[in-house]
Amino acid sequence: MRGDPSTGSGTQGPVLDDIEARPGSTASLLRTLIGLFLRPLGGWISAADLVTLAGDLGIPPAQARTGITRLKQKGLLLAERSDGIGYRLNAAAIGMLERGDRRIFAMREMTDADPWCLVSFSIPESARSIRHQLRRRLQWIGAGVVSPALWICPGHLQDEVLEILDELDARRWVTVFQASAPVPPVPMVEAAAGWWDLEALRAEHLAFQDSLATLPSEPFAAYVHLIDSWRVLPYTDPGLPPSMLPDDWPGRRSFDEFARLSAALAEPAWQHVRAVVRSR
């Protein structure tokens, strides 16, 4: 019987979201492949099948094995012999992957009536490394900077903020507020452009839209490349209400195209994975 991903010895510590891996790189494609399919496969896959699926993404076998070794070193995968030599998903990674699913497949767009989460902190110089990590993690979940010690994000992300604070042991220095609509001294569109780097976000959306023209023709490879190209955007884009965005904001087209393509490709991709795994 294949190992249960939630039990067993060798489980390592928490696996953090790795959204810095460049989309399209071996590391990023392998993480996307594992995040999409290892859980529905029962948490275990043979080494040979994983290398075969990586090959279907255009990753040569030697390069795939090197990439898999690095994912073991990072704690995402654990080596485990079951029906053969293979890998088990680290149980510590499941929560991270489930949070990713909610972001990737259920992108939320705020309305003017939705609440905001404000994060105010005063972290001493003796803990400056925690202050740096907090700012970095808040940026990763799409928070904006009102001032160096006051950050803003959609209210539905408050639980993620609290989780970050717990992981960094920073709760003693941070106050979290739920708030209604901000009242800045400038129009909301102008305020949002100051709190978030909207031009960088615009460039990310346009790059994603350009990537759709180069998706592989085979559904499995197309689906993994689609998710891999998209997966960072739901983190860095907070889903601001239209009233805070320029009229020509490209986000809506990105959301619609992703929803259309992922719905069309998901089942054929899964069928391919099952065929590869069952062939052995």
C-alpha atoms as a PDB file:
ATOM      1  CA  MET A   1       0.000   0.000   0.000  1.00  0.00           C
ATOM      2  CA  ARG A   2       1.273   3.444  -0.786  1.00  0.00           C
ATOM      3  CA  GLY A   3       2.276   5.642   2.123  1.00  0.00           C
ATOM      4  CA  ASP A   4      -0.334   7.909   3.679  1.00  0.00           C
ATOM      5  CA  PRO A   5       0.850  11.492   3.117  1.00  0.00           C
ATOM      6  CA  SER A   6      -0.451  12.538   6.510  1.00  0.00           C
ATOM      7  CA  THR A   7       1.488   9.980   8.540  1.00  0.00           C
ATOM      8  CA  GLY A   8       4.796   8.237   8.810  1.00  0.00           C
ATOM      9  CA  SER A   9       8.301   9.046   9.954  1.00  0.00           C
ATOM     10  CA  GLY A  10      10.548  11.524   8.246  1.00  0.00           C
ATOM     11  CA  THR A  11       7.994  14.317   8.006  1.00  0.00           C
ATOM     12  CA  GLN A  12       9.921  17.578   8.007  1.00  0.00           C
ATOM     13  CA  GLY A  13       9.006  21.053   9.212  1.00  0.00           C
ATOM     14  CA  PRO A  14       6.634  23.509   7.538  1.00  0.00           C
ATOM     15  CA  VAL A  15       7.055  24.046   3.817  1.00  0.00           C
ATOM     16  CA  LEU A  16       6.681  27.702   2.888  1.00  0.00           C
ATOM     17  CA  ASP A  17       5.074  28.941  -0.299  1.00  0.00           C
ATOM     18  CA  ASP A  18       7.770  29.224  -2.940  1.00  0.00           C
ATOM     19  CA  ILE A  19       6.407  31.822  -5.318  1.00  0.00           C
ATOM     20  CA  GLU A  20       9.843  33.151  -6.192  1.00  0.00           C
ATOM     21  CA  ALA A  21      10.566  30.248  -8.543  1.00  0.00           C
ATOM     22  CA  ARG A  22      10.456  31.667 -12.063  1.00  0.00           C
ATOM     23  CA  PRO A  23       7.374  30.428 -13.974  1.00  0.00           C
ATOM     24  CA  GLY A  24       8.441  28.048 -16.710  1.00  0.00           C
ATOM     25  CA  SER A  25      11.616  26.983 -14.884  1.00  0.00           C
ATOM     26  CA  THR A  26      12.213  23.348 -13.995  1.00  0.00           C
ATOM     27  CA  ALA A  27      11.697  24.092 -10.286  1.00  0.00           C
ATOM     28  CA  SER A  28       8.446  25.932 -10.894  1.00  0.00           C
ATOM     29  CA  LEU A  29       6.988  23.374 -13.311  1.00  0.00           C
ATOM     30  CA  LEU A  30       7.811  20.479 -10.987  1.00  0.00           C
ATOM     31  CA  ARG A  31       6.222  22.245  -8.009  1.00  0.00           C
ATOM     32  CA  THR A  32       3.131  22.962 -10.095  1.00  0.00           C
ATOM     33  CA  LEU A  33       2.959  19.353 -11.312  1.00  0.00           C
ATOM     34  CA  ILE A  34       3.257  18.010  -7.761  1.00  0.00           C
ATOM     35  CA  GLY A  35       0.803  20.534  -6.342  1.00  0.00           C
ATOM     36  CA  LEU A  36      -1.817  19.680  -8.926  1.00  0.00           C
ATOM     37  CA  PHE A  37      -1.673  15.906  -9.082  1.00  0.00           C
ATOM     38  CA  LEU A  38       0.102  14.250  -6.166  1.00  0.00           C
ATOM     39  CA  ARG A  39      -2.796  14.661  -3.714  1.00  0.00           C
ATOM     40  CA  PRO A  40      -5.447  13.115  -6.012  1.00  0.00           C
ATOM     41  CA  LEU A  41      -2.992  10.283  -6.681  1.00  0.00           C
ATOM     42  CA  GLY A  42      -3.014   9.472  -2.971  1.00  0.00           C
ATOM     43  CA  GLY A  43       0.113  11.417  -2.047  1.00  0.00           C
ATOM     44  CA  TRP A  44       2.660   9.021  -3.595  1.00  0.00           C
ATOM     45  CA  ILE A  45       4.169   8.636  -7.066  1.00  0.00           C
ATOM     46  CA  SER A  46       6.907   6.430  -8.422  1.00  0.00           C
ATOM     47  CA  ALA A  47      10.158   8.087  -9.414  1.00  0.00           C
ATOM     48  CA  ALA A  48       9.808   6.723 -12.945  1.00  0.00           C
ATOM     49  CA  ASP A  49       6.294   8.130 -13.390  1.00  0.00           C
ATOM     50  CA  LEU A  50       7.318  11.536 -12.049  1.00  0.00           C
ATOM     51  CA  VAL A  51      10.235  11.682 -14.485  1.00  0.00           C
ATOM     52  CA  THR A  52       7.940  10.587 -17.327  1.00  0.00           C
ATOM     53  CA  LEU A  53       5.424  13.345 -16.546  1.00  0.00           C
ATOM     54  CA  ALA A  54       8.245  15.874 -16.295  1.00  0.00           C
ATOM     55  CA  GLY A  55       9.369  14.710 -19.733  1.00  0.00           C
ATOM     56  CA  ASP A  56       5.869  15.413 -21.053  1.00  0.00           C
ATOM     57  CA  LEU A  57       6.470  19.002 -19.918  1.00  0.00           C
ATOM     58  CA  GLY A  58       9.686  19.178 -21.918  1.00  0.00           C
ATOM     59  CA  ILE A  59      12.048  18.568 -18.980  1.00  0.00           C
ATOM     60  CA  PRO A  60      14.882  16.134 -19.850  1.00  0.00           C
ATOM     61  CA  PRO A  61      15.271  13.140 -17.461  1.00  0.00           C
ATOM     62  CA  ALA A  62      18.583  14.235 -15.916  1.00  0.00           C
ATOM     63  CA  GLN A  63      17.258  17.741 -15.357  1.00  0.00           C
ATOM     64  CA  ALA A  64      14.056  16.362 -13.856  1.00  0.00           C
ATOM     65  CA  ARG A  65      15.965  14.135 -11.412  1.00  0.00           C
ATOM     66  CA  THR A  66      18.081  17.089 -10.306  1.00  0.00           C
ATOM     67  CA  GLY A  67      14.950  19.184  -9.818  1.00  0.00           C
ATOM     68  CA  ILE A  68      13.255  16.422  -7.825  1.00  0.00           C
ATOM     69  CA  THR A  69      16.319  16.125  -5.579  1.00  0.00           C
ATOM     70  CA  ARG A  70      16.102  19.837  -4.840  1.00  0.00           C
ATOM     71  CA  LEU A  71      12.423  19.529  -3.946  1.00  0.00           C
ATOM     72  CA  LYS A  72      13.388  16.774  -1.498  1.00  0.00           C
ATOM     73  CA  GLN A  73      15.988  19.088   0.010  1.00  0.00           C
ATOM     74  CA  LYS A  74      13.361  21.813   0.393  1.00  0.00           C
ATOM     75  CA  GLY A  75      11.065  19.375   2.179  1.00  0.00           C
ATOM     76  CA  LEU A  76       8.239  19.220  -0.353  1.00  0.00           C
ATOM     77  CA  LEU A  77       8.859  15.558  -1.185  1.00  0.00           C
ATOM     78  CA  LEU A  78       9.988  12.639   0.977  1.00  0.00           C
ATOM     79  CA  ALA A  79      11.632   9.575  -0.543  1.00  0.00           C
ATOM     80  CA  GLU A  80       9.557   6.465   0.107  1.00  0.00           C
ATOM     81  CA  ARG A  81       9.621   2.957  -1.328  1.00  0.00           C
ATOM     82  CA  SER A  82       6.116   1.544  -1.766  1.00  0.00           C
ATOM     83  CA  ASP A  83       5.254  -0.184  -5.031  1.00  0.00           C
ATOM     84  CA  GLY A  84       8.770   0.829  -6.015  1.00  0.00           C
ATOM     85  CA  ILE A  85      11.136   3.731  -5.565  1.00  0.00           C
ATOM     86  CA  GLY A  86       9.092   6.887  -5.275  1.00  0.00           C
ATOM     87  CA  TYR A  87       8.165  10.036  -3.432  1.00  0.00           C
ATOM     88  CA  ARG A  88       5.546  10.982  -0.882  1.00  0.00           C
ATOM     89  CA  LEU A  89       4.163  14.474  -0.443  1.00  0.00           C
ATOM     90  CA  ASN A  90       5.305  15.905   2.873  1.00  0.00           C
ATOM     91  CA  ALA A  91       2.276  16.240   5.146  1.00  0.00           C
ATOM     92  CA  ALA A  92       3.637  19.635   6.232  1.00  0.00           C
ATOM     93  CA  ALA A  93       3.047  20.892   2.683  1.00  0.00           C
ATOM     94  CA  ILE A  94      -0.637  19.992   2.448  1.00  0.00           C
ATOM     95  CA  GLY A  95      -1.929  23.108   4.193  1.00  0.00           C
ATOM     96  CA  MET A  96       0.213  25.298   1.961  1.00  0.00           C
ATOM     97  CA  LEU A  97      -1.089  23.559  -1.155  1.00  0.00           C
ATOM     98  CA  GLU A  98      -4.702  23.836   0.003  1.00  0.00           C
ATOM     99  CA  ARG A  99      -4.247  27.582   0.556  1.00  0.00           C
ATOM    100  CA  GLY A 100      -2.770  27.764  -2.926  1.00  0.00           C
ATOM    101  CA  ASP A 101      -5.798  25.972  -4.379  1.00  0.00           C
ATOM    102  CA  ARG A 102      -8.105  28.566  -2.859  1.00  0.00           C
ATOM    103  CA  ARG A 103      -6.052  31.395  -4.276  1.00  0.00           C
ATOM    104  CA  ILE A 104      -5.442  29.907  -7.710  1.00  0.00           C
ATOM    105  CA  PHE A 105      -8.898  28.506  -8.466  1.00  0.00           C
ATOM    106  CA  ALA A 106     -11.104  30.904  -6.503  1.00  0.00           C
ATOM    107  CA  MET A 107      -9.630  34.325  -7.195  1.00  0.00           C
ATOM    108  CA  ARG A 108     -11.688  36.927  -5.288  1.00  0.00           C
ATOM    109  CA  GLU A 109     -12.436  40.394  -6.563  1.00  0.00           C
ATOM    110  CA  MET A 110     -13.466  42.908  -3.903  1.00  0.00           C
ATOM    111  CA  THR A 111     -16.496  45.174  -4.036  1.00  0.00           C
ATOM    112  CA  ASP A 112     -16.761  48.611  -2.466  1.00  0.00           C
ATOM    113  CA  ALA A 113     -18.770  47.094   0.403  1.00  0.00           C
ATOM    114  CA  ASP A 114     -16.119  44.525   1.403  1.00  0.00           C
ATOM    115  CA  PRO A 115     -14.049  45.096   4.563  1.00  0.00           C
ATOM    116  CA  TRP A 116     -10.328  45.718   4.698  1.00  0.00           C
ATOM    117  CA  CYS A 117      -7.650  44.342   6.978  1.00  0.00           C
ATOM    118  CA  LEU A 118      -5.124  46.846   8.363  1.00  0.00           C
ATOM    119  CA  VAL A 119      -1.838  45.618   9.804  1.00  0.00           C
ATOM    120  CA  SER A 120      -0.039  48.052  12.094  1.00  0.00           C
ATOM    121  CA  PHE A 121       3.300  47.081  13.626  1.00  0.00           C
ATOM    122  CA  SER A 122       6.170  48.460  15.653  1.00  0.00           C
ATOM    123  CA  ILE A 123       8.952  45.895  15.706  1.00  0.00           C
ATOM    124  CA  PRO A 124      12.151  46.716  17.607  1.00  0.00           C
ATOM    125  CA  GLU A 125      15.510  46.914  15.907  1.00  0.00           C
ATOM    126  CA  SER A 126      16.592  43.831  17.836  1.00  0.00           C
ATOM    127  CA  ALA A 127      14.011  41.879  15.781  1.00  0.00           C
ATOM    128  CA  ARG A 128      14.670  43.557  12.434  1.00  0.00           C
ATOM    129  CA  SER A 129      14.962  40.183  10.674  1.00  0.00           C
ATOM    130  CA  ILE A 130      11.364  39.442  11.713  1.00  0.00           C
ATOM    131  CA  ARG A 131      10.311  42.891  10.507  1.00  0.00           C
ATOM    132  CA  HIS A 132      11.921  42.172   7.134  1.00  0.00           C
ATOM    133  CA  GLN A 133      10.244  38.772   6.881  1.00  0.00           C
ATOM    134  CA  LEU A 134       6.868  40.226   7.855  1.00  0.00           C
ATOM    135  CA  ARG A 135       7.029  42.876   5.136  1.00  0.00           C
ATOM    136  CA  ARG A 136       8.136  40.269   2.626  1.00  0.00           C
ATOM    137  CA  ARG A 137       5.337  37.862   3.537  1.00  0.00           C
ATOM    138  CA  LEU A 138       2.700  40.613   3.516  1.00  0.00           C
ATOM    139  CA  GLN A 139       3.825  41.641   0.053  1.00  0.00           C
ATOM    140  CA  TRP A 140       3.523  38.015  -1.084  1.00  0.00           C
ATOM    141  CA  ILE A 141      -0.145  37.850  -0.110  1.00  0.00           C
ATOM    142  CA  GLY A 142      -0.959  41.056  -1.999  1.00  0.00           C
ATOM    143  CA  ALA A 143      -0.926  43.604   0.824  1.00  0.00           C
ATOM    144  CA  GLY A 144      -0.338  47.271   0.021  1.00  0.00           C
ATOM    145  CA  VAL A 145       1.858  49.765   1.878  1.00  0.00           C
ATOM    146  CA  VAL A 146       0.039  52.769   3.334  1.00  0.00           C
ATOM    147  CA  SER A 147       3.155  53.634   5.340  1.00  0.00           C
ATOM    148  CA  PRO A 148       6.210  51.567   6.342  1.00  0.00           C
ATOM    149  CA  ALA A 149       4.447  50.304   9.488  1.00  0.00           C
ATOM    150  CA  LEU A 150       0.849  50.232   8.195  1.00  0.00           C
ATOM    151  CA  TRP A 151      -0.192  47.741   5.538  1.00  0.00           C
ATOM    152  CA  ILE A 152      -3.592  47.088   3.959  1.00  0.00           C
ATOM    153  CA  CYS A 153      -5.129  44.024   2.338  1.00  0.00           C
ATOM    154  CA  PRO A 154      -8.612  42.634   1.622  1.00  0.00           C
ATOM    155  CA  GLY A 155     -10.493  41.661   4.762  1.00  0.00           C
ATOM    156  CA  HIS A 156     -10.853  38.038   3.643  1.00  0.00           C
ATOM    157  CA  LEU A 157      -7.066  37.667   3.982  1.00  0.00           C
ATOM    158  CA  GLN A 158      -7.062  38.413   7.710  1.00  0.00           C
ATOM    159  CA  ASP A 159      -6.701  34.733   8.649  1.00  0.00           C
ATOM    160  CA  GLU A 160      -3.628  34.490   6.413  1.00  0.00           C
ATOM    161  CA  VAL A 161      -2.186  37.584   8.091  1.00  0.00           C
ATOM    162  CA  LEU A 162      -2.717  36.057  11.528  1.00  0.00           C
ATOM    163  CA  GLU A 163      -1.129  32.816  10.362  1.00  0.00           C
ATOM    164  CA  ILE A 164       1.929  34.726   9.146  1.00  0.00           C
ATOM    165  CA  LEU A 165       2.201  36.499  12.499  1.00  0.00           C
ATOM    166  CA  ASP A 166       2.035  33.189  14.343  1.00  0.00           C
ATOM    167  CA  GLU A 167       4.661  31.606  12.099  1.00  0.00           C
ATOM    168  CA  LEU A 168       7.012  34.563  12.656  1.00  0.00           C
ATOM    169  CA  ASP A 169       6.186  34.797  16.383  1.00  0.00           C
ATOM    170  CA  ALA A 170       5.375  38.487  15.790  1.00  0.00           C
ATOM    171  CA  ARG A 171       1.923  38.852  17.369  1.00  0.00           C
ATOM    172  CA  ARG A 172       3.259  40.889  20.326  1.00  0.00           C
ATOM    173  CA  TRP A 173       4.320  43.727  18.012  1.00  0.00           C
ATOM    174  CA  VAL A 174       1.361  43.803  15.633  1.00  0.00           C
ATOM    175  CA  THR A 175      -2.226  45.043  15.804  1.00  0.00           C
ATOM    176  CA  VAL A 176      -4.699  43.873  13.167  1.00  0.00           C
ATOM    177  CA  PHE A 177      -7.864  45.877  12.433  1.00  0.00           C
ATOM    178  CA  GLN A 178     -10.940  45.199  10.352  1.00  0.00           C
ATOM    179  CA  ALA A 179     -11.907  48.445   8.603  1.00  0.00           C
ATOM    180  CA  SER A 180     -14.505  49.777   6.201  1.00  0.00           C
ATOM    181  CA  ALA A 181     -13.645  51.929   3.202  1.00  0.00           C
ATOM    182  CA  PRO A 182     -10.467  54.002   3.603  1.00  0.00           C
ATOM    183  CA  VAL A 183     -10.804  57.788   3.329  1.00  0.00           C
ATOM    184  CA  PRO A 184      -7.525  58.984   1.823  1.00  0.00           C
ATOM    185  CA  PRO A 185      -6.770  62.650   1.020  1.00  0.00           C
ATOM    186  CA  VAL A 186      -6.691  61.835  -2.718  1.00  0.00           C
ATOM    187  CA  PRO A 187      -9.075  59.923  -5.048  1.00  0.00           C
ATOM    188  CA  MET A 188      -9.167  56.182  -4.395  1.00  0.00           C
ATOM    189  CA  VAL A 189      -7.610  55.344  -7.763  1.00  0.00           C
ATOM    190  CA  GLU A 190      -4.670  57.564  -6.918  1.00  0.00           C
ATOM    191  CA  ALA A 191      -4.397  56.176  -3.390  1.00  0.00           C
ATOM    192  CA  ALA A 192      -4.387  52.586  -4.654  1.00  0.00           C
ATOM    193  CA  ALA A 193      -1.615  53.427  -7.117  1.00  0.00           C
ATOM    194  CA  GLY A 194       0.432  54.657  -4.160  1.00  0.00           C
ATOM    195  CA  TRP A 195      -0.263  51.680  -1.904  1.00  0.00           C
ATOM    196  CA  TRP A 196       0.282  48.997  -4.561  1.00  0.00           C
ATOM    197  CA  ASP A 197       2.649  48.897  -7.538  1.00  0.00           C
ATOM    198  CA  LEU A 198      -0.160  48.771 -10.061  1.00  0.00           C
ATOM    199  CA  GLU A 199       2.149  49.215 -13.039  1.00  0.00           C
ATOM    200  CA  ALA A 200       4.111  46.117 -12.037  1.00  0.00           C
ATOM    201  CA  LEU A 201       0.824  44.240 -11.588  1.00  0.00           C
ATOM    202  CA  ARG A 202      -0.342  45.428 -15.001  1.00  0.00           C
ATOM    203  CA  ALA A 203       2.870  44.066 -16.529  1.00  0.00           C
ATOM    204  CA  GLU A 204       2.305  40.712 -14.820  1.00  0.00           C
ATOM    205  CA  HIS A 205      -1.219  40.473 -16.218  1.00  0.00           C
ATOM    206  CA  LEU A 206      -0.081  41.354 -19.728  1.00  0.00           C
ATOM    207  CA  ALA A 207       2.772  38.823 -19.509  1.00  0.00           C
ATOM    208  CA  PHE A 208       0.282  36.147 -18.458  1.00  0.00           C
ATOM    209  CA  GLN A 209      -2.008  36.998 -21.347  1.00  0.00           C
ATOM    210  CA  ASP A 210       0.932  36.843 -23.767  1.00  0.00           C
ATOM    211  CA  SER A 211       1.886  33.411 -22.391  1.00  0.00           C
ATOM    212  CA  LEU A 212      -1.479  31.987 -23.459  1.00  0.00           C
ATOM    213  CA  ALA A 213      -0.439  32.230 -27.097  1.00  0.00           C
ATOM    214  CA  THR A 214       2.482  29.867 -26.469  1.00  0.00           C
ATOM    215  CA  LEU A 215       0.716  27.119 -24.497  1.00  0.00           C
ATOM    216  CA  PRO A 216       1.578  23.616 -25.746  1.00  0.00           C
ATOM    217  CA  SER A 217      -1.016  21.866 -27.896  1.00  0.00           C
ATOM    218  CA  GLU A 218      -1.158  18.747 -25.688  1.00  0.00           C
ATOM    219  CA  PRO A 219      -3.719  19.253 -22.865  1.00  0.00           C
ATOM    220  CA  PHE A 220      -1.571  17.956 -20.004  1.00  0.00           C
ATOM    221  CA  ALA A 221       1.389  20.183 -20.819  1.00  0.00           C
ATOM    222  CA  ALA A 222      -0.919  23.099 -21.627  1.00  0.00           C
ATOM    223  CA  TYR A 223      -2.699  22.784 -18.272  1.00  0.00           C
ATOM    224  CA  VAL A 224       0.478  22.622 -16.183  1.00  0.00           C
ATOM    225  CA  HIS A 225       2.018  25.550 -18.072  1.00  0.00           C
ATOM    226  CA  LEU A 226      -1.227  27.514 -17.675  1.00  0.00           C
ATOM    227  CA  ILE A 227      -1.307  27.011 -13.903  1.00  0.00           C
ATOM    228  CA  ASP A 228       2.416  27.657 -13.654  1.00  0.00           C
ATOM    229  CA  SER A 229       2.097  30.974 -15.487  1.00  0.00           C
ATOM    230  CA  TRP A 230      -0.937  32.008 -13.440  1.00  0.00           C
ATOM    231  CA  ARG A 231      -0.104  30.799  -9.925  1.00  0.00           C
ATOM    232  CA  VAL A 232       1.758  33.919  -8.720  1.00  0.00           C
ATOM    233  CA  LEU A 233      -0.854  36.439  -9.880  1.00  0.00           C
ATOM    234  CA  PRO A 234      -3.586  35.485  -7.369  1.00  0.00           C
ATOM    235  CA  TYR A 235      -1.052  36.202  -4.611  1.00  0.00           C
ATOM    236  CA  THR A 236       0.413  39.469  -5.854  1.00  0.00           C
ATOM    237  CA  ASP A 237      -2.885  40.886  -7.162  1.00  0.00           C
ATOM    238  CA  PRO A 238      -5.185  41.633  -4.187  1.00  0.00           C
ATOM    239  CA  GLY A 239      -8.311  41.768  -6.361  1.00  0.00           C
ATOM    240  CA  LEU A 240      -9.054  45.426  -5.740  1.00  0.00           C
ATOM    241  CA  PRO A 241     -12.589  46.720  -6.418  1.00  0.00           C
ATOM    242  CA  PRO A 242     -13.032  48.314  -9.870  1.00  0.00           C
ATOM    243  CA  SER A 243     -13.487  51.727  -8.258  1.00  0.00           C
ATOM    244  CA  MET A 244      -9.819  51.637  -7.219  1.00  0.00           C
ATOM    245  CA  LEU A 245      -8.456  50.613 -10.611  1.00  0.00           C
ATOM    246  CA  PRO A 246      -7.866  52.384 -13.928  1.00  0.00           C
ATOM    247  CA  ASP A 247     -10.563  51.931 -16.562  1.00  0.00           C
ATOM    248  CA  ASP A 248      -8.227  49.908 -18.792  1.00  0.00           C
ATOM    249  CA  TRP A 249      -7.168  47.482 -16.025  1.00  0.00           C
ATOM    250  CA  PRO A 250      -6.274  44.097 -17.637  1.00  0.00           C
ATOM    251  CA  GLY A 251      -7.100  41.947 -14.611  1.00  0.00           C
ATOM    252  CA  ARG A 252     -10.613  41.000 -15.643  1.00  0.00           C
ATOM    253  CA  ARG A 253      -9.444  39.570 -18.961  1.00  0.00           C
ATOM    254  CA  SER A 254      -6.752  37.540 -17.172  1.00  0.00           C
ATOM    255  CA  PHE A 255      -9.317  36.118 -14.722  1.00  0.00           C
ATOM    256  CA  ASP A 256     -11.774  35.232 -17.481  1.00  0.00           C
ATOM    257  CA  GLU A 257      -9.169  33.592 -19.738  1.00  0.00           C
ATOM    258  CA  PHE A 258      -7.738  31.567 -16.894  1.00  0.00           C
ATOM    259  CA  ALA A 259     -11.177  30.343 -15.843  1.00  0.00           C
ATOM    260  CA  ARG A 260     -12.082  29.376 -19.415  1.00  0.00           C
ATOM    261  CA  LEU A 261      -8.848  27.518 -20.183  1.00  0.00           C
ATOM    262  CA  SER A 262      -8.466  25.773 -16.832  1.00  0.00           C
ATOM    263  CA  ALA A 263     -12.029  24.452 -17.059  1.00  0.00           C
ATOM    264  CA  ALA A 264     -11.358  23.078 -20.543  1.00  0.00           C
ATOM    265  CA  LEU A 265      -7.955  21.512 -19.796  1.00  0.00           C
ATOM    266  CA  ALA A 266      -8.258  20.149 -16.246  1.00  0.00           C
ATOM    267  CA  GLU A 267      -9.999  16.834 -16.989  1.00  0.00           C
ATOM    268  CA  PRO A 268      -7.938  15.879 -20.098  1.00  0.00           C
ATOM    269  CA  ALA A 269      -4.768  16.646 -18.111  1.00  0.00           C
ATOM    270  CA  TRP A 270      -5.892  14.431 -15.228  1.00  0.00           C
ATOM    271  CA  GLN A 271      -6.759  11.623 -17.631  1.00  0.00           C
ATOM    272  CA  HIS A 272      -3.207  11.788 -19.020  1.00  0.00           C
ATOM    273  CA  VAL A 273      -1.699  11.571 -15.528  1.00  0.00           C
ATOM    274  CA  ARG A 274      -3.855   8.559 -14.655  1.00  0.00           C
ATOM    275  CA  ALA A 275      -2.869   6.849 -17.914  1.00  0.00           C
ATOM    276  CA  VAL A 276       0.840   7.319 -17.189  1.00  0.00           C
ATOM    277  CA  VAL A 277       0.544   6.060 -13.609  1.00  0.00           C
ATOM    278  CA  ARG A 278      -1.691   3.084 -14.471  1.00  0.00           C
ATOM    279  CA  SER A 279       0.556   1.995 -17.345  1.00  0.00           C
ATOM    280  CA  ARG A 280       2.966   0.610 -14.735  1.00  0.00           C
END
